[in-house]
C-alpha atoms as a PDB file:
ATOM      1  CA  MET A   1       0.006   0.109   0.060  1.00  0.00           C
ATOM      2  CA  THR A   2       1.261   3.400  -0.943  1.00  0.00           C
ATOM      3  CA  ASP A   3       0.433   6.570   1.322  1.00  0.00           C
ATOM      4  CA  VAL A   4      -0.740   9.522  -0.539  1.00  0.00           C
ATOM      5  CA  LEU A   5       0.223  12.552   1.889  1.00  0.00           C
ATOM      6  CA  ALA A   6      -1.317  15.726   0.276  1.00  0.00           C
ATOM      7  CA  ASN A   7      -0.349  18.408   3.132  1.00  0.00           C
ATOM      8  CA  PHE A   8       3.004  19.378   4.486  1.00  0.00           C
ATOM      9  CA  GLU A   9       3.803  21.635   7.300  1.00  0.00           C
ATOM     10  CA  ALA A  10       7.121  22.531   8.875  1.00  0.00           C
ATOM     11  CA  ILE A  11       8.278  23.964  12.456  1.00  0.00           C
ATOM     12  CA  GLU A  12      11.676  24.542  13.287  1.00  0.00           C
ATOM     13  CA  SER A  13      12.342  25.983  16.859  1.00  0.00           C
ATOM     14  CA  ASN A  14      14.748  26.076  19.861  1.00  0.00           C
ATOM     15  CA  GLU A  15      12.758  26.544  22.934  1.00  0.00           C
ATOM     16  CA  SER A  16      10.211  24.542  24.691  1.00  0.00           C
ATOM     17  CA  ALA A  17       6.633  24.806  23.459  1.00  0.00           C
ATOM     18  CA  THR A  18       3.256  23.546  22.665  1.00  0.00           C
ATOM     19  CA  HIS A  19       2.795  23.613  18.910  1.00  0.00           C
ATOM     20  CA  THR A  20      -0.741  23.466  17.436  1.00  0.00           C
ATOM     21  CA  LEU A  21      -0.666  22.034  14.125  1.00  0.00           C
ATOM     22  CA  LYS A  22      -2.951  23.756  11.244  1.00  0.00           C
ATOM     23  CA  LEU A  23      -4.358  20.292   9.873  1.00  0.00           C
ATOM     24  CA  LYS A  24      -4.559  16.981  11.938  1.00  0.00           C
ATOM     25  CA  SER A  25      -1.406  14.952  11.068  1.00  0.00           C
ATOM     26  CA  ARG A  26      -1.523  11.506   9.412  1.00  0.00           C
ATOM     27  CA  LYS A  27       2.266  11.098   9.599  1.00  0.00           C
ATOM     28  CA  LEU A  28       4.702  13.161  11.891  1.00  0.00           C
ATOM     29  CA  ILE A  29       8.197  13.201  12.098  1.00  0.00           C
ATOM     30  CA  ILE A  30      10.173  15.097  14.834  1.00  0.00           C
ATOM     31  CA  THR A  31      13.900  15.326  14.480  1.00  0.00           C
ATOM     32  CA  ASN A  32      16.403  16.394  17.543  1.00  0.00           C
ATOM     33  CA  ASP A  33      18.898  18.612  15.728  1.00  0.00           C
ATOM     34  CA  SER A  34      20.886  19.006  18.796  1.00  0.00           C
ATOM     35  CA  SER A  35      24.428  17.421  19.304  1.00  0.00           C
ATOM     36  CA  GLY A  36      24.288  17.019  23.111  1.00  0.00           C
ATOM     37  CA  VAL A  37      20.776  17.680  24.485  1.00  0.00           C
ATOM     38  CA  ASP A  38      17.794  15.538  24.952  1.00  0.00           C
ATOM     39  CA  LEU A  39      14.278  16.535  23.634  1.00  0.00           C
ATOM     40  CA  LEU A  40      11.279  15.482  25.362  1.00  0.00           C
ATOM     41  CA  PHE A  41       8.110  15.305  23.469  1.00  0.00           C
ATOM     42  CA  LYS A  42       4.278  13.989  23.820  1.00  0.00           C
ATOM     43  CA  LEU A  43       1.169  14.560  21.673  1.00  0.00           C
ATOM     44  CA  ASN A  44      -1.354  15.402  24.404  1.00  0.00           C
ATOM     45  CA  ALA A  45      -0.849  16.766  28.315  1.00  0.00           C
ATOM     46  CA  SER A  46      -1.928  13.943  29.909  1.00  0.00           C
ATOM     47  CA  GLU A  47       0.739  11.630  28.364  1.00  0.00           C
ATOM     48  CA  ALA A  48       4.184  10.692  29.756  1.00  0.00           C
ATOM     49  CA  PHE A  49       7.114  12.551  27.651  1.00  0.00           C
ATOM     50  CA  GLY A  50       9.078  10.344  25.273  1.00  0.00           C
ATOM     51  CA  THR A  51      12.840  11.183  24.743  1.00  0.00           C
ATOM     52  CA  LEU A  52      14.870  11.967  21.457  1.00  0.00           C
ATOM     53  CA  GLN A  53      18.552  11.653  22.233  1.00  0.00           C
ATOM     54  CA  PRO A  54      20.952  14.188  20.256  1.00  0.00           C
ATOM     55  CA  THR A  55      20.697  13.784  16.786  1.00  0.00           C
ATOM     56  CA  GLU A  56      17.611  11.020  17.014  1.00  0.00           C
ATOM     57  CA  SER A  57      14.381  11.170  14.739  1.00  0.00           C
ATOM     58  CA  ILE A  58      11.184   9.593  15.124  1.00  0.00           C
ATOM     59  CA  SER A  59       8.744   9.051  12.538  1.00  0.00           C
ATOM     60  CA  MET A  60       4.936   7.884  13.237  1.00  0.00           C
ATOM     61  CA  TYR A  61       1.789   7.508  11.548  1.00  0.00           C
ATOM     62  CA  VAL A  62      -0.512   9.493  14.025  1.00  0.00           C
ATOM     63  CA  THR A  63      -3.658  11.507  13.660  1.00  0.00           C
ATOM     64  CA  THR A  64      -2.780  14.611  16.312  1.00  0.00           C
ATOM     65  CA  ARG A  65      -3.136  18.541  16.096  1.00  0.00           C
ATOM     66  CA  GLN A  66      -0.777  19.169  18.649  1.00  0.00           C
ATOM     67  CA  VAL A  67       2.744  18.433  19.749  1.00  0.00           C
ATOM     68  CA  ILE A  68       4.534  19.235  23.118  1.00  0.00           C
ATOM     69  CA  ILE A  69       8.054  20.080  23.150  1.00  0.00           C
ATOM     70  CA  GLN A  70      10.716  20.281  25.909  1.00  0.00           C
ATOM     71  CA  ALA A  71      13.914  21.387  24.411  1.00  0.00           C
ATOM     72  CA  ALA A  72      16.790  23.596  24.811  1.00  0.00           C
ATOM     73  CA  ASP A  73      18.414  23.529  21.469  1.00  0.00           C
ATOM     74  CA  ASN A  74      17.374  23.130  17.902  1.00  0.00           C
ATOM     75  CA  TYR A  75      14.530  20.499  16.734  1.00  0.00           C
ATOM     76  CA  ARG A  76      12.106  20.139  13.492  1.00  0.00           C
ATOM     77  CA  ILE A  77       8.737  18.747  13.449  1.00  0.00           C
ATOM     78  CA  TRP A  78       7.204  17.863  10.005  1.00  0.00           C
ATOM     79  CA  SER A  79       3.529  17.049   9.795  1.00  0.00           C
ATOM     80  CA  PHE A  80       1.935  15.674   6.943  1.00  0.00           C
ATOM     81  CA  GLY A  81      -1.904  15.253   5.898  1.00  0.00           C
END
């Protein structure tokens, strides 16, 4: 099966934030661009944080409109809908 993803939103930042996506994602990629600091992420306030170590990425098929990040260095969020 081939996925068809028609919408794309990119977020780049270097500070902790709650990002509200313009459209619901179907695929989400979060990349920790730091070379020495962990990044914490979660998709809603009631979840526990997941950890991305320096230079690590995660790619997931998930439907969400929110990404919560705790970070002290550069990161990227790519959302495909």
